[in-house]
Amino acid sequence: MQKYAEYIDEIEIDSLWAGKKHIKWKLDRQVNILSGVNGVGKSTILNKVTKVLSQGGEFPSHLIKGVRINAIPEDAKWIRYDIIRSFDRPLMNVESINRADLNLTTELDWQLFQLQRKYLDYQVNIGNRIIEVLQSGAPDAAEKAQAFSAPKKLFQDMIDNLFQETSKKIVRTENEIRFAQIGETLHPYQLSSGEKQILAILLTVLVQDRQPYVLFMDEPEVSLHVEWQKQLIDLIIKLNPQVQIILTTHSPAVIMDGWVDHVTEVNEITEEED
């Protein structure tokens, strides 16, 4: 049986750049915010860690490519994780992946398209659990069924609340995510960059189905309204209380609502190498 980590306890990097700078970062169970001036290595740290995790196979219990990741529990073999980046760059090879009924032009569009598939799978899994518990005849079957569907409703309520100023609402009768706005139906790819960004973040969190996992975010606030930046961490944790957040940021707004004590400067976890 695969044993998944609950969270990452410590990250150690032998050489951040070409044999210089040793990184040792003890992490909080839930929220970790990496700060520092441009070029100090925030994104490089995230990139090195996620590159190791992307290799696949069993979780590395020893040093691989200069990166050591200690997880809790110590005998965990796998880590569930996702990475969110901020830049809505033009999509390469757009002709080969586009569909006639959609207009996927940026990396965020492609990310949302892939998330739609995961969202459908998530709903099937939830539906199967609901059917199973209702067929069990247990006295609390109805309450359990309602609990299974609660995160999806919470996600929909969150998005509706965030988008209320532009009168956009999720169409709750559709299996894929669509929005109603003043009599029109919109695909997610028709949203603004900021709307796409917050939707991608929260949808990424939702489809993990409240399992323990690590969410890496590299300057996720770039496209977001300042009020959304303030809410970002709280929204993620509310949607999945078992998430561990590891993010880089330049924005004071992201840490404004009680997260100042969770900020780590890169120079605080850096040791110069001889």
C-alpha atoms as a PDB file:
ATOM      1  CA  MET A   1       0.000   0.000   0.000  1.00  0.00           C
ATOM      2  CA  GLN A   2       1.306   3.468  -0.919  1.00  0.00           C
ATOM      3  CA  LYS A   3       1.909   5.640   2.125  1.00  0.00           C
ATOM      4  CA  TYR A   4       1.456   9.340   1.453  1.00  0.00           C
ATOM      5  CA  ALA A   5       3.075  12.151   3.417  1.00  0.00           C
ATOM      6  CA  GLU A   6       0.935  14.466   5.506  1.00  0.00           C
ATOM      7  CA  TYR A   7       3.309  17.385   4.958  1.00  0.00           C
ATOM      8  CA  ILE A   8       6.925  18.361   4.325  1.00  0.00           C
ATOM      9  CA  ASP A   9       8.897  18.954   7.517  1.00  0.00           C
ATOM     10  CA  GLU A  10      12.170  20.246   6.105  1.00  0.00           C
ATOM     11  CA  ILE A  11      13.773  21.171   2.788  1.00  0.00           C
ATOM     12  CA  GLU A  12      17.530  21.126   2.334  1.00  0.00           C
ATOM     13  CA  ILE A  13      19.329  22.196  -0.844  1.00  0.00           C
ATOM     14  CA  ASP A  14      23.070  21.622  -1.214  1.00  0.00           C
ATOM     15  CA  SER A  15      23.750  24.360  -3.754  1.00  0.00           C
ATOM     16  CA  LEU A  16      21.218  26.957  -4.792  1.00  0.00           C
ATOM     17  CA  TRP A  17      23.409  28.262  -7.614  1.00  0.00           C
ATOM     18  CA  ALA A  18      26.514  26.581  -9.053  1.00  0.00           C
ATOM     19  CA  GLY A  19      27.989  25.359  -5.806  1.00  0.00           C
ATOM     20  CA  LYS A  20      27.043  28.358  -3.661  1.00  0.00           C
ATOM     21  CA  LYS A  21      24.512  28.875  -0.872  1.00  0.00           C
ATOM     22  CA  HIS A  22      23.286  25.959   1.253  1.00  0.00           C
ATOM     23  CA  ILE A  23      19.557  26.107   2.067  1.00  0.00           C
ATOM     24  CA  LYS A  24      17.991  24.528   5.145  1.00  0.00           C
ATOM     25  CA  TRP A  25      14.333  25.384   5.734  1.00  0.00           C
ATOM     26  CA  LYS A  26      12.249  23.990   8.595  1.00  0.00           C
ATOM     27  CA  LEU A  27       8.614  24.207   7.554  1.00  0.00           C
ATOM     28  CA  ASP A  28       5.356  24.916   9.337  1.00  0.00           C
ATOM     29  CA  ARG A  29       2.640  22.252   9.061  1.00  0.00           C
ATOM     30  CA  GLN A  30       0.301  24.550   7.169  1.00  0.00           C
ATOM     31  CA  VAL A  31       1.547  27.938   5.903  1.00  0.00           C
ATOM     32  CA  ASN A  32       5.062  28.827   4.696  1.00  0.00           C
ATOM     33  CA  ILE A  33       5.737  32.141   2.959  1.00  0.00           C
ATOM     34  CA  LEU A  34       9.130  32.757   1.345  1.00  0.00           C
ATOM     35  CA  SER A  35      10.105  36.390   0.912  1.00  0.00           C
ATOM     36  CA  GLY A  36      13.095  38.317  -0.383  1.00  0.00           C
ATOM     37  CA  VAL A  37      14.235  40.748  -3.059  1.00  0.00           C
ATOM     38  CA  ASN A  38      14.238  39.831  -6.737  1.00  0.00           C
ATOM     39  CA  GLY A  39      17.002  37.406  -7.672  1.00  0.00           C
ATOM     40  CA  VAL A  40      17.655  36.089  -4.160  1.00  0.00           C
ATOM     41  CA  GLY A  41      16.426  32.598  -5.058  1.00  0.00           C
ATOM     42  CA  LYS A  42      12.778  32.252  -3.978  1.00  0.00           C
ATOM     43  CA  SER A  43      11.544  30.739  -7.233  1.00  0.00           C
ATOM     44  CA  THR A  44      14.738  28.709  -7.616  1.00  0.00           C
ATOM     45  CA  ILE A  45      14.068  26.995  -4.290  1.00  0.00           C
ATOM     46  CA  LEU A  46      10.518  26.058  -5.334  1.00  0.00           C
ATOM     47  CA  ASN A  47      11.693  24.938  -8.773  1.00  0.00           C
ATOM     48  CA  LYS A  48      14.397  22.657  -7.386  1.00  0.00           C
ATOM     49  CA  VAL A  49      11.988  20.994  -4.939  1.00  0.00           C
ATOM     50  CA  THR A  50       9.162  20.479  -7.440  1.00  0.00           C
ATOM     51  CA  LYS A  51      11.618  19.191 -10.068  1.00  0.00           C
ATOM     52  CA  VAL A  52      12.696  16.440  -7.651  1.00  0.00           C
ATOM     53  CA  LEU A  53       9.067  15.604  -6.839  1.00  0.00           C
ATOM     54  CA  SER A  54       8.149  15.519 -10.538  1.00  0.00           C
ATOM     55  CA  GLN A  55      10.613  12.683 -11.178  1.00  0.00           C
ATOM     56  CA  GLY A  56       7.888  10.258 -10.053  1.00  0.00           C
ATOM     57  CA  GLY A  57       8.329   6.933  -8.315  1.00  0.00           C
ATOM     58  CA  GLU A  58       8.765   6.532  -4.595  1.00  0.00           C
ATOM     59  CA  PHE A  59       9.388   9.588  -2.482  1.00  0.00           C
ATOM     60  CA  PRO A  60      13.139  10.190  -2.177  1.00  0.00           C
ATOM     61  CA  SER A  61      14.311   9.277   1.314  1.00  0.00           C
ATOM     62  CA  HIS A  62      17.844  10.455   0.539  1.00  0.00           C
ATOM     63  CA  LEU A  63      19.594  13.270  -1.281  1.00  0.00           C
ATOM     64  CA  ILE A  64      18.674  13.512  -4.971  1.00  0.00           C
ATOM     65  CA  LYS A  65      20.216  16.131  -7.255  1.00  0.00           C
ATOM     66  CA  GLY A  66      21.288  18.181  -4.251  1.00  0.00           C
ATOM     67  CA  VAL A  67      17.811  18.330  -2.693  1.00  0.00           C
ATOM     68  CA  ARG A  68      16.718  16.544   0.480  1.00  0.00           C
ATOM     69  CA  ILE A  69      13.039  16.551   1.512  1.00  0.00           C
ATOM     70  CA  ASN A  70      12.054  15.245   4.935  1.00  0.00           C
ATOM     71  CA  ALA A  71       8.374  14.390   5.244  1.00  0.00           C
ATOM     72  CA  ILE A  72       6.009  13.490   8.061  1.00  0.00           C
ATOM     73  CA  PRO A  73       5.484  10.628   8.722  1.00  0.00           C
ATOM     74  CA  GLU A  74       9.110   9.680   8.161  1.00  0.00           C
ATOM     75  CA  ASP A  75       8.238   6.413   6.416  1.00  0.00           C
ATOM     76  CA  ALA A  76       6.022   8.109   3.800  1.00  0.00           C
ATOM     77  CA  LYS A  77       6.839   7.016   0.251  1.00  0.00           C
ATOM     78  CA  TRP A  78       4.774   9.478  -1.791  1.00  0.00           C
ATOM     79  CA  ILE A  79       3.849  13.159  -1.676  1.00  0.00           C
ATOM     80  CA  ARG A  80       0.740  14.615  -3.269  1.00  0.00           C
ATOM     81  CA  TYR A  81       1.519  18.087  -4.573  1.00  0.00           C
ATOM     82  CA  ASP A  82       0.607  20.773  -7.081  1.00  0.00           C
ATOM     83  CA  ILE A  83       2.328  23.921  -8.252  1.00  0.00           C
ATOM     84  CA  ILE A  84       0.613  27.168  -9.225  1.00  0.00           C
ATOM     85  CA  ARG A  85       2.538  29.797 -11.165  1.00  0.00           C
ATOM     86  CA  SER A  86       1.409  33.339 -11.755  1.00  0.00           C
ATOM     87  CA  PHE A  87       2.266  34.152 -15.325  1.00  0.00           C
ATOM     88  CA  ASP A  88      -0.499  33.921 -17.939  1.00  0.00           C
ATOM     89  CA  ARG A  89       1.880  33.433 -20.866  1.00  0.00           C
ATOM     90  CA  PRO A  90       0.805  32.692 -24.447  1.00  0.00           C
ATOM     91  CA  LEU A  91       0.271  28.995 -25.063  1.00  0.00           C
ATOM     92  CA  MET A  92       2.815  27.243 -27.278  1.00  0.00           C
ATOM     93  CA  ASN A  93       1.600  24.831 -29.997  1.00  0.00           C
ATOM     94  CA  VAL A  94      -1.908  26.177 -29.516  1.00  0.00           C
ATOM     95  CA  GLU A  95      -3.141  24.670 -32.802  1.00  0.00           C
ATOM     96  CA  SER A  96      -2.327  21.102 -31.767  1.00  0.00           C
ATOM     97  CA  ILE A  97      -4.319  21.193 -28.515  1.00  0.00           C
ATOM     98  CA  ASN A  98      -7.168  23.528 -29.317  1.00  0.00           C
ATOM     99  CA  ARG A  99     -10.757  22.468 -29.809  1.00  0.00           C
ATOM    100  CA  ALA A 100     -13.222  24.015 -32.189  1.00  0.00           C
ATOM    101  CA  ASP A 101     -15.628  25.031 -29.423  1.00  0.00           C
ATOM    102  CA  LEU A 102     -12.983  26.566 -27.127  1.00  0.00           C
ATOM    103  CA  ASN A 103     -10.425  29.343 -27.374  1.00  0.00           C
ATOM    104  CA  LEU A 104      -7.385  28.255 -25.377  1.00  0.00           C
ATOM    105  CA  THR A 105      -4.721  30.909 -25.878  1.00  0.00           C
ATOM    106  CA  THR A 106      -2.711  31.050 -22.637  1.00  0.00           C
ATOM    107  CA  GLU A 107      -1.086  28.677 -20.156  1.00  0.00           C
ATOM    108  CA  LEU A 108      -3.820  29.459 -17.631  1.00  0.00           C
ATOM    109  CA  ASP A 109      -6.441  28.448 -20.208  1.00  0.00           C
ATOM    110  CA  TRP A 110      -4.694  25.100 -20.688  1.00  0.00           C
ATOM    111  CA  GLN A 111      -4.383  24.638 -16.937  1.00  0.00           C
ATOM    112  CA  LEU A 112      -8.104  25.309 -16.490  1.00  0.00           C
ATOM    113  CA  PHE A 113      -8.936  22.920 -19.328  1.00  0.00           C
ATOM    114  CA  GLN A 114      -7.005  20.150 -17.561  1.00  0.00           C
ATOM    115  CA  LEU A 115      -8.628  21.047 -14.236  1.00  0.00           C
ATOM    116  CA  GLN A 116     -12.066  20.694 -15.825  1.00  0.00           C
ATOM    117  CA  ARG A 117     -11.228  17.021 -16.490  1.00  0.00           C
ATOM    118  CA  LYS A 118     -10.104  16.547 -12.889  1.00  0.00           C
ATOM    119  CA  TYR A 119     -13.262  18.304 -11.703  1.00  0.00           C
ATOM    120  CA  LEU A 120     -15.415  15.800 -13.607  1.00  0.00           C
ATOM    121  CA  ASP A 121     -13.503  12.883 -12.062  1.00  0.00           C
ATOM    122  CA  TYR A 122     -13.865  14.474  -8.618  1.00  0.00           C
ATOM    123  CA  GLN A 123     -17.639  14.736  -9.043  1.00  0.00           C
ATOM    124  CA  VAL A 124     -17.901  11.090 -10.159  1.00  0.00           C
ATOM    125  CA  ASN A 125     -15.974   9.990  -7.063  1.00  0.00           C
ATOM    126  CA  ILE A 126     -18.156  12.088  -4.778  1.00  0.00           C
ATOM    127  CA  GLY A 127     -21.301  10.785  -6.487  1.00  0.00           C
ATOM    128  CA  ASN A 128     -20.194   7.180  -5.999  1.00  0.00           C
ATOM    129  CA  ARG A 129     -19.578   7.800  -2.302  1.00  0.00           C
ATOM    130  CA  ILE A 130     -22.984   9.393  -1.900  1.00  0.00           C
ATOM    131  CA  ILE A 131     -24.717   6.453  -3.608  1.00  0.00           C
ATOM    132  CA  GLU A 132     -22.795   3.965  -1.490  1.00  0.00           C
ATOM    133  CA  VAL A 133     -23.658   5.631   1.810  1.00  0.00           C
ATOM    134  CA  LEU A 134     -27.336   6.101   0.888  1.00  0.00           C
ATOM    135  CA  GLN A 135     -27.597   2.437  -0.100  1.00  0.00           C
ATOM    136  CA  SER A 136     -26.035   1.383   3.203  1.00  0.00           C
ATOM    137  CA  GLY A 137     -29.221   2.239   5.083  1.00  0.00           C
ATOM    138  CA  ALA A 138     -27.201   3.715   7.972  1.00  0.00           C
ATOM    139  CA  PRO A 139     -29.192   6.016  10.289  1.00  0.00           C
ATOM    140  CA  ASP A 140     -26.886   8.937   9.504  1.00  0.00           C
ATOM    141  CA  ALA A 141     -26.670   8.194   5.758  1.00  0.00           C
ATOM    142  CA  ALA A 142     -28.309  11.476   4.689  1.00  0.00           C
ATOM    143  CA  GLU A 143     -25.945  13.552   6.844  1.00  0.00           C
ATOM    144  CA  LYS A 144     -22.912  11.710   5.519  1.00  0.00           C
ATOM    145  CA  ALA A 145     -24.086  12.195   1.936  1.00  0.00           C
ATOM    146  CA  GLN A 146     -24.496  15.913   2.570  1.00  0.00           C
ATOM    147  CA  ALA A 147     -20.988  16.078   4.080  1.00  0.00           C
ATOM    148  CA  PHE A 148     -19.527  14.496   0.923  1.00  0.00           C
ATOM    149  CA  SER A 149     -21.024  17.232  -1.249  1.00  0.00           C
ATOM    150  CA  ALA A 150     -20.210  20.117   1.147  1.00  0.00           C
ATOM    151  CA  PRO A 151     -16.724  20.985  -0.241  1.00  0.00           C
ATOM    152  CA  LYS A 152     -18.064  21.385  -3.789  1.00  0.00           C
ATOM    153  CA  LYS A 153     -20.818  23.707  -2.547  1.00  0.00           C
ATOM    154  CA  LEU A 154     -18.269  25.649  -0.503  1.00  0.00           C
ATOM    155  CA  PHE A 155     -16.080  26.064  -3.594  1.00  0.00           C
ATOM    156  CA  GLN A 156     -19.052  27.304  -5.651  1.00  0.00           C
ATOM    157  CA  ASP A 157     -20.079  29.738  -2.912  1.00  0.00           C
ATOM    158  CA  MET A 158     -16.512  31.068  -2.675  1.00  0.00           C
ATOM    159  CA  ILE A 159     -16.282  31.718  -6.418  1.00  0.00           C
ATOM    160  CA  ASP A 160     -19.721  33.344  -6.536  1.00  0.00           C
ATOM    161  CA  ASN A 161     -18.724  35.630  -3.672  1.00  0.00           C
ATOM    162  CA  LEU A 162     -15.393  36.573  -5.289  1.00  0.00           C
ATOM    163  CA  PHE A 163     -17.036  37.290  -8.651  1.00  0.00           C
ATOM    164  CA  GLN A 164     -20.126  39.081  -7.330  1.00  0.00           C
ATOM    165  CA  GLU A 165     -19.015  42.569  -8.455  1.00  0.00           C
ATOM    166  CA  THR A 166     -19.165  41.447 -12.095  1.00  0.00           C
ATOM    167  CA  SER A 167     -22.408  39.502 -11.558  1.00  0.00           C
ATOM    168  CA  LYS A 168     -20.836  36.187 -12.577  1.00  0.00           C
ATOM    169  CA  LYS A 169     -22.169  33.020 -10.956  1.00  0.00           C
ATOM    170  CA  ILE A 170     -21.262  29.376 -11.425  1.00  0.00           C
ATOM    171  CA  VAL A 171     -23.975  27.453 -13.244  1.00  0.00           C
ATOM    172  CA  ARG A 172     -24.657  24.745 -10.658  1.00  0.00           C
ATOM    173  CA  THR A 173     -26.653  22.484 -12.952  1.00  0.00           C
ATOM    174  CA  GLU A 174     -23.631  21.854 -15.240  1.00  0.00           C
ATOM    175  CA  ASN A 175     -20.995  19.184 -14.712  1.00  0.00           C
ATOM    176  CA  GLU A 176     -18.255  21.365 -16.201  1.00  0.00           C
ATOM    177  CA  ILE A 177     -17.604  24.830 -14.861  1.00  0.00           C
ATOM    178  CA  ARG A 178     -19.581  27.506 -16.657  1.00  0.00           C
ATOM    179  CA  PHE A 179     -20.600  30.987 -15.569  1.00  0.00           C
ATOM    180  CA  ALA A 180     -23.848  32.878 -15.999  1.00  0.00           C
ATOM    181  CA  GLN A 181     -23.544  36.636 -16.449  1.00  0.00           C
ATOM    182  CA  ILE A 182     -26.542  38.776 -17.316  1.00  0.00           C
ATOM    183  CA  GLY A 183     -28.197  36.135 -19.460  1.00  0.00           C
ATOM    184  CA  GLU A 184     -24.989  34.862 -21.098  1.00  0.00           C
ATOM    185  CA  THR A 185     -23.065  31.646 -20.436  1.00  0.00           C
ATOM    186  CA  LEU A 186     -19.280  31.963 -20.240  1.00  0.00           C
ATOM    187  CA  HIS A 187     -16.467  29.404 -20.367  1.00  0.00           C
ATOM    188  CA  PRO A 188     -13.674  29.857 -17.801  1.00  0.00           C
ATOM    189  CA  TYR A 189     -11.363  30.829 -20.692  1.00  0.00           C
ATOM    190  CA  GLN A 190     -13.411  34.012 -21.177  1.00  0.00           C
ATOM    191  CA  LEU A 191     -12.591  35.311 -17.701  1.00  0.00           C
ATOM    192  CA  SER A 192      -9.997  37.960 -16.877  1.00  0.00           C
ATOM    193  CA  SER A 193      -6.469  36.844 -15.918  1.00  0.00           C
ATOM    194  CA  GLY A 194      -7.162  37.491 -12.232  1.00  0.00           C
ATOM    195  CA  GLU A 195     -10.427  35.544 -12.328  1.00  0.00           C
ATOM    196  CA  LYS A 196      -8.726  32.641 -14.115  1.00  0.00           C
ATOM    197  CA  GLN A 197      -5.930  32.673 -11.551  1.00  0.00           C
ATOM    198  CA  ILE A 198      -8.148  32.493  -8.442  1.00  0.00           C
ATOM    199  CA  LEU A 199     -10.376  29.893 -10.134  1.00  0.00           C
ATOM    200  CA  ALA A 200      -7.340  27.735 -11.016  1.00  0.00           C
ATOM    201  CA  ILE A 201      -5.983  27.932  -7.462  1.00  0.00           C
ATOM    202  CA  LEU A 202      -9.248  27.043  -5.724  1.00  0.00           C
ATOM    203  CA  LEU A 203     -10.150  24.355  -8.262  1.00  0.00           C
ATOM    204  CA  THR A 204      -6.706  22.786  -7.802  1.00  0.00           C
ATOM    205  CA  VAL A 205      -7.353  22.655  -4.061  1.00  0.00           C
ATOM    206  CA  LEU A 206     -10.899  21.280  -4.422  1.00  0.00           C
ATOM    207  CA  VAL A 207     -10.064  18.326  -6.686  1.00  0.00           C
ATOM    208  CA  GLN A 208      -7.512  17.045  -4.173  1.00  0.00           C
ATOM    209  CA  ASP A 209     -10.607  15.975  -2.234  1.00  0.00           C
ATOM    210  CA  ARG A 210      -9.415  17.166   1.203  1.00  0.00           C
ATOM    211  CA  GLN A 211      -6.473  14.789   1.228  1.00  0.00           C
ATOM    212  CA  PRO A 212      -3.162  15.859   2.781  1.00  0.00           C
ATOM    213  CA  TYR A 213      -1.063  17.460   0.077  1.00  0.00           C
ATOM    214  CA  VAL A 214       1.415  20.256  -0.573  1.00  0.00           C
ATOM    215  CA  LEU A 215       0.474  23.296  -2.642  1.00  0.00           C
ATOM    216  CA  PHE A 216       3.458  25.215  -4.031  1.00  0.00           C
ATOM    217  CA  MET A 217       2.656  28.697  -5.346  1.00  0.00           C
ATOM    218  CA  ASP A 218       5.154  31.000  -7.051  1.00  0.00           C
ATOM    219  CA  GLU A 219       3.962  34.602  -6.675  1.00  0.00           C
ATOM    220  CA  PRO A 220       0.290  33.653  -7.081  1.00  0.00           C
ATOM    221  CA  GLU A 221      -0.843  37.194  -6.314  1.00  0.00           C
ATOM    222  CA  VAL A 222       0.442  38.845  -9.503  1.00  0.00           C
ATOM    223  CA  SER A 223      -2.923  38.897 -11.323  1.00  0.00           C
ATOM    224  CA  LEU A 224      -5.141  39.068  -8.238  1.00  0.00           C
ATOM    225  CA  HIS A 225      -7.115  42.027  -6.900  1.00  0.00           C
ATOM    226  CA  VAL A 226      -5.668  43.191  -3.564  1.00  0.00           C
ATOM    227  CA  GLU A 227      -8.793  42.064  -1.676  1.00  0.00           C
ATOM    228  CA  TRP A 228      -8.422  38.577  -3.177  1.00  0.00           C
ATOM    229  CA  GLN A 229      -4.757  38.561  -2.147  1.00  0.00           C
ATOM    230  CA  LYS A 230      -5.798  39.176   1.459  1.00  0.00           C
ATOM    231  CA  GLN A 231      -8.272  36.275   1.383  1.00  0.00           C
ATOM    232  CA  LEU A 232      -6.117  33.804  -0.570  1.00  0.00           C
ATOM    233  CA  ILE A 233      -4.554  31.744   2.239  1.00  0.00           C
ATOM    234  CA  ASP A 234      -7.745  31.579   4.302  1.00  0.00           C
ATOM    235  CA  LEU A 235      -9.798  30.446   1.300  1.00  0.00           C
ATOM    236  CA  ILE A 236      -7.351  27.649   0.496  1.00  0.00           C
ATOM    237  CA  ILE A 237      -7.264  26.352   4.074  1.00  0.00           C
ATOM    238  CA  LYS A 238     -11.037  26.540   4.411  1.00  0.00           C
ATOM    239  CA  LEU A 239     -11.423  24.464   1.243  1.00  0.00           C
ATOM    240  CA  ASN A 240      -8.877  21.873   2.385  1.00  0.00           C
ATOM    241  CA  PRO A 241      -7.816  22.041   6.067  1.00  0.00           C
ATOM    242  CA  GLN A 242      -5.173  19.348   5.371  1.00  0.00           C
ATOM    243  CA  VAL A 243      -3.234  21.362   2.800  1.00  0.00           C
ATOM    244  CA  GLN A 244       0.315  22.590   3.386  1.00  0.00           C
ATOM    245  CA  ILE A 245       1.009  25.873   1.571  1.00  0.00           C
ATOM    246  CA  ILE A 246       4.517  26.803   0.415  1.00  0.00           C
ATOM    247  CA  LEU A 247       4.529  30.088  -1.493  1.00  0.00           C
ATOM    248  CA  THR A 248       6.732  32.937  -2.633  1.00  0.00           C
ATOM    249  CA  THR A 249       5.401  36.478  -2.662  1.00  0.00           C
ATOM    250  CA  HIS A 250       6.268  40.161  -2.934  1.00  0.00           C
ATOM    251  CA  SER A 251       2.851  41.318  -1.747  1.00  0.00           C
ATOM    252  CA  PRO A 252       2.187  42.570   1.806  1.00  0.00           C
ATOM    253  CA  ALA A 253      -1.530  41.906   1.205  1.00  0.00           C
ATOM    254  CA  VAL A 254      -1.028  38.118   1.092  1.00  0.00           C
ATOM    255  CA  ILE A 255       0.286  38.087   4.677  1.00  0.00           C
ATOM    256  CA  MET A 256      -1.949  40.865   5.998  1.00  0.00           C
ATOM    257  CA  ASP A 257      -4.632  38.703   7.623  1.00  0.00           C
ATOM    258  CA  GLY A 258      -2.602  37.047  10.360  1.00  0.00           C
ATOM    259  CA  TRP A 259       0.244  35.387   8.434  1.00  0.00           C
ATOM    260  CA  VAL A 260       3.184  37.698   9.217  1.00  0.00           C
ATOM    261  CA  ASP A 261       4.687  35.146  11.617  1.00  0.00           C
ATOM    262  CA  HIS A 262       4.761  32.580   8.783  1.00  0.00           C
ATOM    263  CA  VAL A 263       7.137  34.618   6.593  1.00  0.00           C
ATOM    264  CA  THR A 264      10.707  33.394   6.080  1.00  0.00           C
ATOM    265  CA  GLU A 265      13.349  35.534   4.407  1.00  0.00           C
ATOM    266  CA  VAL A 266      15.656  33.585   2.071  1.00  0.00           C
ATOM    267  CA  ASN A 267      18.712  34.913   3.911  1.00  0.00           C
ATOM    268  CA  GLU A 268      17.366  33.397   7.163  1.00  0.00           C
ATOM    269  CA  ILE A 269      17.621  29.861   5.756  1.00  0.00           C
ATOM    270  CA  THR A 270      20.831  30.371   3.755  1.00  0.00           C
ATOM    271  CA  GLU A 271      24.345  29.368   4.726  1.00  0.00           C
ATOM    272  CA  GLU A 272      27.208  30.515   2.515  1.00  0.00           C
ATOM    273  CA  GLU A 273      29.310  27.604   1.272  1.00  0.00           C
ATOM    274  CA  ASP A 274      33.085  27.691   1.157  1.00  0.00           C
END
